[in-house]
Amino acid sequence: MEPPRCAAAGPPGLQLGGLAEPADLPDPEFLDRYQVHRVGGRDITEYWMPADDVGEAGLLFWRFESLHDVPVGFGGLEIHGRDALLRSVVILPRLREIGMGRAIVEMLETEAAARQCRAIYLLTTSQAEFFARLGYAPCGRPDVPEGIAASRQFTTLCPATADVMIKRVG
């Protein structure tokens, strides 16, 4: 049986590479190949998001690529009934500031809507302004649905100081 594909069609220059597996995530060989060890004097690992649970059932992570099969980034959704948790949107540093992040988030939002989700939640420690520009609003932790609040992303992978945001999609 073929794995589920993201329902959204990407913008020109961006395509889905398929559902990501733990082996797809950046490792030393990947980083060497795309020469992204250091960006702005910082170690590249500072740019990656928590993804220790990528291989777990029920989590959907996609690999996004250019039309020439060059990796652009990763993004995921965790579906909890009629709500979704936007997970680990990562863009390769050399491809930032050209709209790829926005495009990936829009594709994930389309996927959440196709799965009948009414709201998308997210946690961020550094990108609240970016997500606010995409229509996400601050949300209090007590207002987060139980399934989302019980996820590993909320309970262990992200710090309690992370900003919680929401966007209604349905």
Protein backbone atom coordinates (compact mmCIF):
# COMPACT_ATOMS: atom_id res chain seq x y z
CA MET A 1 0.00 0.00 0.00
CA GLU A 2 1.35 3.43 -0.93
CA PRO A 3 1.99 5.79 2.01
CA PRO A 4 -0.25 8.85 2.36
CA ARG A 5 0.89 11.87 0.39
CA CYS A 6 0.43 15.50 1.26
CA ALA A 7 -2.82 16.69 -0.36
CA ALA A 8 -1.38 20.07 -1.23
CA ALA A 9 0.31 20.99 -4.47
CA GLY A 10 3.48 22.97 -3.93
CA PRO A 11 4.47 26.30 -5.43
CA PRO A 12 6.66 26.40 -8.52
CA GLY A 13 10.08 25.05 -7.63
CA LEU A 14 8.92 22.99 -4.63
CA GLN A 15 7.73 19.40 -4.61
CA LEU A 16 7.09 16.69 -2.11
CA GLY A 17 9.84 14.13 -1.82
CA GLY A 18 7.58 11.78 0.08
CA LEU A 19 6.95 10.88 3.69
CA ALA A 20 10.15 11.31 5.66
CA GLU A 21 11.68 8.43 7.57
CA PRO A 22 14.12 8.83 10.46
CA ALA A 23 16.93 8.04 8.00
CA ASP A 24 15.93 11.08 5.88
CA LEU A 25 16.74 13.55 8.60
CA PRO A 26 20.03 15.40 8.34
CA ASP A 27 23.04 13.34 9.34
CA PRO A 28 26.77 14.03 8.89
CA GLU A 29 26.75 12.65 5.31
CA PHE A 30 23.78 14.86 4.36
CA LEU A 31 25.40 17.90 5.94
CA ASP A 32 28.68 17.20 4.11
CA ARG A 33 26.91 16.74 0.78
CA TYR A 34 25.06 20.05 1.03
CA GLN A 35 27.89 21.85 2.84
CA VAL A 36 25.72 23.24 5.62
CA HIS A 37 27.87 22.66 8.70
CA ARG A 38 28.03 26.25 9.81
CA VAL A 39 25.74 29.16 9.07
CA GLY A 40 26.52 32.65 10.28
CA GLY A 41 29.19 31.27 12.60
CA ARG A 42 26.72 28.91 14.31
CA ASP A 43 26.76 25.12 14.26
CA ILE A 44 24.08 23.77 11.93
CA THR A 45 22.53 21.63 14.66
CA GLU A 46 21.23 24.85 16.23
CA TYR A 47 18.83 25.14 13.28
CA TRP A 48 17.14 21.74 13.51
CA MET A 49 13.93 21.21 15.44
CA PRO A 50 13.02 18.41 17.86
CA ALA A 51 12.27 15.32 15.81
CA ASP A 52 13.21 12.41 18.06
CA ASP A 53 9.83 10.82 17.40
CA VAL A 54 9.77 11.04 13.59
CA GLY A 55 9.43 7.28 13.16
CA GLU A 56 6.46 6.91 15.53
CA ALA A 57 3.07 5.85 14.23
CA GLY A 58 0.57 8.64 13.66
CA LEU A 59 3.15 11.29 12.84
CA LEU A 60 3.36 12.55 9.28
CA PHE A 61 6.64 14.12 8.20
CA TRP A 62 7.36 15.10 4.62
CA ARG A 63 10.58 15.76 2.80
CA PHE A 64 10.35 18.78 0.47
CA GLU A 65 12.64 19.07 -2.55
CA SER A 66 13.37 21.36 -5.45
CA LEU A 67 12.26 20.24 -8.89
CA HIS A 68 15.84 18.99 -9.30
CA ASP A 69 15.50 16.69 -6.26
CA VAL A 70 17.69 18.89 -4.05
CA PRO A 71 16.45 18.86 -0.43
CA VAL A 72 14.74 22.09 0.62
CA GLY A 73 13.43 21.15 4.05
CA PHE A 74 11.15 19.05 6.19
CA GLY A 75 7.80 19.56 7.86
CA GLY A 76 5.22 17.51 9.65
CA LEU A 77 1.81 17.18 11.19
CA GLU A 78 0.56 15.27 14.18
CA ILE A 79 -3.19 14.73 13.90
CA HIS A 80 -5.34 14.52 17.05
CA GLY A 81 -8.97 14.16 16.06
CA ARG A 82 -10.06 17.48 14.52
CA ASP A 83 -6.87 19.29 15.58
CA ALA A 84 -3.34 19.18 14.22
CA LEU A 85 0.06 20.01 15.63
CA LEU A 86 2.45 21.57 13.13
CA ARG A 87 5.78 19.84 13.62
CA SER A 88 9.41 20.60 12.94
CA VAL A 89 9.32 22.85 9.89
CA VAL A 90 12.95 23.11 8.84
CA ILE A 91 14.41 24.85 5.79
CA LEU A 92 18.02 24.37 4.73
CA PRO A 93 19.87 27.57 5.63
CA ARG A 94 20.92 28.37 2.06
CA LEU A 95 17.27 28.34 0.99
CA ARG A 96 15.85 30.63 3.65
CA GLU A 97 14.37 34.06 3.02
CA ILE A 98 12.97 33.12 -0.40
CA GLY A 99 9.51 31.89 0.60
CA MET A 100 10.17 28.17 1.04
CA GLY A 101 9.14 28.18 4.71
CA ARG A 102 5.85 29.88 3.89
CA ALA A 103 5.27 27.42 1.04
CA ILE A 104 5.90 24.38 3.24
CA VAL A 105 3.61 25.69 5.99
CA GLU A 106 0.87 26.38 3.42
CA MET A 107 1.18 22.84 2.06
CA LEU A 108 0.93 21.41 5.58
CA GLU A 109 -2.10 23.60 6.32
CA THR A 110 -3.79 22.26 3.18
CA GLU A 111 -3.04 18.72 4.32
CA ALA A 112 -4.54 19.42 7.77
CA ALA A 113 -7.69 20.85 6.15
CA ALA A 114 -7.93 17.80 3.86
CA ARG A 115 -7.85 15.64 6.99
CA GLN A 116 -10.82 17.61 8.37
CA CYS A 117 -8.82 19.47 11.03
CA ARG A 118 -10.39 22.64 12.37
CA ALA A 119 -7.28 24.14 13.96
CA ILE A 120 -3.50 23.85 13.78
CA TYR A 121 -1.39 24.39 16.87
CA LEU A 122 2.36 24.84 17.06
CA LEU A 123 5.16 25.44 19.51
CA THR A 124 8.07 27.73 18.71
CA THR A 125 11.03 29.02 20.64
CA SER A 126 12.24 31.48 18.01
CA GLN A 127 9.83 31.92 15.08
CA ALA A 128 6.68 33.47 16.59
CA GLU A 129 6.95 36.52 14.28
CA PHE A 130 7.25 34.31 11.19
CA PHE A 131 4.17 32.29 12.15
CA ALA A 132 2.23 35.44 13.08
CA ARG A 133 2.80 36.71 9.51
CA LEU A 134 1.19 33.45 8.33
CA GLY A 135 -1.94 34.03 10.41
CA TYR A 136 -1.07 32.17 13.63
CA ALA A 137 -2.05 33.80 16.92
CA PRO A 138 -0.79 33.30 20.47
CA CYS A 139 -2.66 30.67 22.45
CA GLY A 140 -2.57 29.93 26.17
CA ARG A 141 -1.43 26.45 27.15
CA PRO A 142 -4.66 25.83 29.13
CA ASP A 143 -6.60 26.41 25.87
CA VAL A 144 -4.80 23.64 23.96
CA PRO A 145 -6.90 20.48 23.36
CA GLU A 146 -6.02 17.49 25.52
CA GLY A 147 -4.64 15.34 22.69
CA ILE A 148 -2.26 18.06 21.53
CA ALA A 149 -1.22 18.94 25.09
CA ALA A 150 -0.43 15.26 25.79
CA SER A 151 1.83 14.90 22.73
CA ARG A 152 5.57 14.32 23.14
CA GLN A 153 6.16 17.65 21.41
CA PHE A 154 4.32 19.43 24.27
CA THR A 155 5.40 17.22 27.14
CA THR A 156 9.08 16.53 26.45
CA LEU A 157 10.50 17.65 23.10
CA CYS A 158 9.90 21.41 23.39
CA PRO A 159 10.64 23.50 26.46
CA ALA A 160 7.77 24.76 28.59
CA THR A 161 8.87 28.29 27.65
CA ALA A 162 8.02 27.75 23.95
CA ASP A 163 5.33 30.00 22.53
CA VAL A 164 2.05 28.24 21.69
CA MET A 165 0.19 29.45 18.61
CA ILE A 166 -3.01 28.52 16.79
CA LYS A 167 -4.56 29.00 13.36
CA ARG A 168 -8.13 28.05 12.52
CA VAL A 169 -8.37 26.20 9.21
CA GLY A 170 -11.87 24.77 9.11
